Amino acid sequence: MVSSLFELIDEPELALIDDPEEKFTTSEVSWQQYEAVLAKLGDNNHYRVTYLDGVLEIVSPSIRHEKLKKRLATLVEFYLQRKRIKHTPMGSTTVRNRLKKAGAEPDECYCIGDEKSIPDLAIEVIITSGSISKLETYRRLGVTEVWLWISNQLKLYRLREETPLEFLETHGYEQIASSELLPELNIPLREQCALISDQLEAIDFFEQGIK
């Protein structure tokens, strides 16, 4: 199993060719095999790896995906800096919990306030859906808020540990209209700015909107 996964990682077909969003999923992968794949990939930022209950998903993001996630991150970090909110950017850090059989590499993630081992906020750009539930993975990891960019919109989810049974379909997360971590952040404005292809223009427009 591990050797076949390594062969897959080394294959040029998973490289960016005409901007595909490549995904590979396999099941019955042990935790040791999952960690071996992470070690093989090392700091290779061409891939995102998600693990849940023995199912392993490897994604080679498209250029479109990477541009969107970078633009979203730029806007978040600009907001945090402008509002003087203490935070720690964690990028695509691998977050995993062996006992809960879950691991993920968010497109971007942040600790708000003090630095922690688990981020408070994870951001994912969803171009093509995978077989692993992002919300279930992040629930097991204990991530407070998850923002999913789907079809040019941000969908925000807040973990409700006190009332998880009320949100079974969303794996213990409640979909919310505005962030509880960053309650003053204008989400519609951020969506609008994320769709502006020129980075400087997007930041300028966003800056005007948050004054």
Protein backbone atom coordinates (compact mmCIF):
# COMPACT_ATOMS: atom_id res chain seq x y z
CA MET A 1 0.00 0.00 0.00
CA VAL A 2 2.67 2.51 1.03
CA SER A 3 4.86 1.78 -1.96
CA SER A 4 1.93 2.25 -4.35
CA LEU A 5 1.09 5.55 -2.68
CA PHE A 6 4.70 6.69 -3.03
CA GLU A 7 4.62 5.77 -6.71
CA LEU A 8 1.48 7.86 -7.09
CA ILE A 9 3.08 10.87 -5.42
CA ASP A 10 6.06 10.61 -7.76
CA GLU A 11 3.90 10.37 -10.87
CA PRO A 12 3.97 13.47 -13.11
CA GLU A 13 0.21 13.06 -13.77
CA LEU A 14 -0.47 14.70 -10.39
CA ALA A 15 1.47 17.78 -11.43
CA LEU A 16 -0.36 20.87 -12.66
CA ILE A 17 -1.19 20.18 -16.32
CA ASP A 18 -3.69 22.59 -17.88
CA ASP A 19 -4.73 23.49 -14.34
CA PRO A 20 -6.49 20.31 -13.19
CA GLU A 21 -7.80 19.73 -9.67
CA GLU A 22 -6.42 16.24 -9.15
CA LYS A 23 -7.65 13.99 -6.33
CA PHE A 24 -6.65 10.50 -5.28
CA THR A 25 -8.54 8.60 -2.57
CA THR A 26 -7.81 5.20 -1.08
CA SER A 27 -9.16 3.32 1.93
CA GLU A 28 -7.85 0.88 4.55
CA VAL A 29 -4.80 3.04 5.16
CA SER A 30 -3.26 2.64 8.62
CA TRP A 31 -2.11 5.56 10.73
CA GLN A 32 1.50 4.48 10.21
CA GLN A 33 0.99 4.52 6.43
CA TYR A 34 -0.61 7.95 6.64
CA GLU A 35 2.38 9.28 8.56
CA ALA A 36 4.74 7.65 6.07
CA VAL A 37 2.99 9.52 3.24
CA LEU A 38 3.33 12.81 5.17
CA ALA A 39 7.04 12.11 5.70
CA LYS A 40 7.48 11.32 2.00
CA LEU A 41 5.81 14.56 0.97
CA GLY A 42 7.69 16.64 3.53
CA ASP A 43 7.36 20.33 2.71
CA ASN A 44 6.01 19.70 -0.79
CA ASN A 45 3.26 22.30 -1.14
CA HIS A 46 1.85 20.77 -4.33
CA TYR A 47 -0.33 18.43 -2.28
CA ARG A 48 -2.90 18.53 0.53
CA VAL A 49 -3.44 15.33 2.52
CA THR A 50 -6.57 14.50 4.54
CA TYR A 51 -7.09 11.38 6.64
CA LEU A 52 -10.25 10.10 8.33
CA ASP A 53 -11.00 6.60 9.63
CA GLY A 54 -8.51 4.90 7.32
CA VAL A 55 -9.50 6.87 4.20
CA LEU A 56 -6.65 8.88 2.70
CA GLU A 57 -7.18 11.68 0.21
CA ILE A 58 -4.36 13.41 -1.65
CA VAL A 59 -5.16 16.57 -3.61
CA SER A 60 -3.01 18.40 -6.11
CA PRO A 61 -4.66 21.86 -6.13
CA SER A 62 -5.21 23.78 -9.35
CA ILE A 63 -3.69 27.19 -10.00
CA ARG A 64 -7.18 28.67 -9.66
CA HIS A 65 -7.48 27.03 -6.25
CA GLU A 66 -4.15 28.40 -5.07
CA LYS A 67 -4.92 31.92 -6.27
CA LEU A 68 -8.23 31.93 -4.41
CA LYS A 69 -6.80 30.57 -1.18
CA LYS A 70 -3.95 33.09 -1.27
CA ARG A 71 -6.33 35.97 -1.92
CA LEU A 72 -8.56 34.87 0.96
CA ALA A 73 -5.54 34.61 3.24
CA THR A 74 -4.26 38.04 2.20
CA LEU A 75 -7.60 39.63 3.04
CA VAL A 76 -7.85 37.88 6.42
CA GLU A 77 -4.32 38.84 7.38
CA PHE A 78 -4.79 42.42 6.21
CA TYR A 79 -7.91 42.63 8.40
CA LEU A 80 -6.19 41.11 11.44
CA GLN A 81 -3.24 43.46 11.12
CA ARG A 82 -5.34 46.55 10.49
CA LYS A 83 -7.59 45.80 13.48
CA ARG A 84 -4.56 44.91 15.64
CA ILE A 85 -5.94 41.47 16.48
CA LYS A 86 -3.38 39.13 17.98
CA HIS A 87 -3.02 36.03 15.80
CA THR A 88 -0.68 33.36 14.51
CA PRO A 89 -0.83 32.35 10.83
CA MET A 90 -0.25 28.60 10.50
CA GLY A 91 -0.56 28.23 6.72
CA SER A 92 -1.20 24.63 5.63
CA THR A 93 0.21 23.10 8.79
CA THR A 94 -0.65 19.42 9.21
CA VAL A 95 -3.05 19.00 12.14
CA ARG A 96 -3.65 15.43 13.27
CA ASN A 97 -4.95 13.33 16.15
CA ARG A 98 -4.08 9.64 16.14
CA LEU A 99 -6.66 8.62 18.75
CA LYS A 100 -9.45 10.25 16.75
CA LYS A 101 -8.10 8.89 13.43
CA ALA A 102 -8.15 12.29 11.77
CA GLY A 103 -5.65 14.54 10.05
CA ALA A 104 -5.89 17.54 7.73
CA GLU A 105 -3.88 20.23 5.99
CA PRO A 106 -6.10 23.33 5.66
CA ASP A 107 -5.52 25.70 2.80
CA GLU A 108 -4.95 28.33 5.49
CA CYS A 109 -5.41 28.29 9.25
CA TYR A 110 -4.97 30.69 12.15
CA CYS A 111 -4.82 30.86 15.90
CA ILE A 112 -6.74 33.91 17.11
CA GLY A 113 -5.28 35.30 20.33
CA ASP A 114 -2.69 33.04 21.89
CA GLU A 115 -0.82 30.45 19.81
CA LYS A 116 -2.15 26.90 20.17
CA SER A 117 -1.40 23.45 18.77
CA ILE A 118 -4.82 23.37 17.09
CA PRO A 119 -5.90 26.40 15.02
CA ASP A 120 -9.08 28.28 15.88
CA LEU A 121 -9.89 28.94 12.23
CA ALA A 122 -9.42 26.76 9.15
CA ILE A 123 -10.11 27.96 5.60
CA GLU A 124 -10.72 25.57 2.70
CA VAL A 125 -11.27 26.35 -0.98
CA ILE A 126 -13.51 23.64 -2.44
CA ILE A 127 -13.21 23.40 -6.23
CA THR A 128 -14.21 19.74 -6.53
CA SER A 129 -15.69 17.89 -3.56
CA GLY A 130 -13.82 14.94 -2.12
CA SER A 131 -14.99 11.79 -0.39
CA ILE A 132 -13.87 12.87 3.09
CA SER A 133 -16.08 15.22 5.10
CA LYS A 134 -14.05 18.31 5.94
CA LEU A 135 -16.38 19.22 8.80
CA GLU A 136 -16.17 15.79 10.42
CA THR A 137 -12.39 15.86 10.14
CA TYR A 138 -12.17 19.30 11.72
CA ARG A 139 -14.69 18.36 14.42
CA ARG A 140 -12.45 15.55 15.58
CA LEU A 141 -9.47 17.88 15.55
CA GLY A 142 -11.36 20.48 17.59
CA VAL A 143 -11.17 23.43 15.16
CA THR A 144 -13.56 26.14 16.36
CA GLU A 145 -14.52 27.71 13.01
CA VAL A 146 -14.28 26.38 9.46
CA TRP A 147 -14.77 28.62 6.43
CA LEU A 148 -15.49 26.82 3.16
CA TRP A 149 -15.23 28.71 -0.14
CA ILE A 150 -17.75 27.00 -2.43
CA SER A 151 -19.16 28.36 -5.73
CA ASN A 152 -17.80 31.86 -5.11
CA GLN A 153 -19.30 32.08 -1.63
CA LEU A 154 -18.00 31.67 1.89
CA LYS A 155 -19.87 29.25 4.10
CA LEU A 156 -19.00 29.69 7.75
CA TYR A 157 -19.39 26.94 10.37
CA ARG A 158 -19.01 27.14 14.16
CA LEU A 159 -18.37 24.07 16.27
CA ARG A 160 -21.15 23.56 18.85
CA GLU A 161 -19.65 21.16 21.35
CA GLU A 162 -22.43 21.89 23.83
CA THR A 163 -25.25 20.93 21.42
CA PRO A 164 -23.72 18.60 18.77
CA LEU A 165 -26.91 16.55 18.24
CA GLU A 166 -28.70 19.63 16.91
CA PHE A 167 -26.30 19.72 13.97
CA LEU A 168 -25.88 16.10 12.94
CA GLU A 169 -25.99 16.84 9.21
CA THR A 170 -23.11 19.29 9.57
CA HIS A 171 -21.12 17.08 11.98
CA GLY A 172 -21.63 19.22 15.06
CA TYR A 173 -21.06 22.55 13.29
CA GLU A 174 -23.68 25.26 12.94
CA GLN A 175 -23.70 27.30 9.75
CA ILE A 176 -23.47 30.96 10.73
CA ALA A 177 -23.89 34.22 8.84
CA SER A 178 -20.93 35.98 10.47
CA SER A 179 -17.82 34.86 12.26
CA GLU A 180 -17.91 34.59 16.03
CA LEU A 181 -14.13 34.70 16.14
CA LEU A 182 -14.06 37.91 14.07
CA PRO A 183 -17.55 39.36 14.57
CA GLU A 184 -16.84 42.72 12.92
CA LEU A 185 -15.54 41.20 9.68
CA ASN A 186 -17.84 42.01 6.76
CA ILE A 187 -18.25 38.62 5.05
CA PRO A 188 -20.11 39.84 1.89
CA LEU A 189 -17.37 42.45 1.36
CA ARG A 190 -14.73 39.77 1.73
CA GLU A 191 -16.49 37.56 -0.81
CA GLN A 192 -16.64 40.45 -3.25
CA CYS A 193 -12.96 41.28 -2.80
CA ALA A 194 -11.90 37.65 -3.15
CA LEU A 195 -13.31 37.67 -6.69
CA ILE A 196 -11.19 40.65 -7.76
CA SER A 197 -8.28 39.19 -9.68
CA ASP A 198 -5.95 42.15 -9.16
CA GLN A 199 -4.45 41.74 -5.68
CA LEU A 200 -3.79 45.43 -5.05
CA GLU A 201 -7.24 46.42 -6.28
CA ALA A 202 -8.81 43.80 -4.01
CA ILE A 203 -6.93 45.09 -0.96
CA ASP A 204 -7.72 48.72 -1.77
CA PHE A 205 -11.43 47.94 -2.13
CA PHE A 206 -11.38 45.90 1.08
CA GLU A 207 -9.56 48.65 2.98
CA GLN A 208 -12.18 51.20 1.95
CA GLY A 209 -14.94 48.89 3.13
CA ILE A 210 -13.54 48.27 6.62
CA LYS A 211 -12.79 51.88 7.51
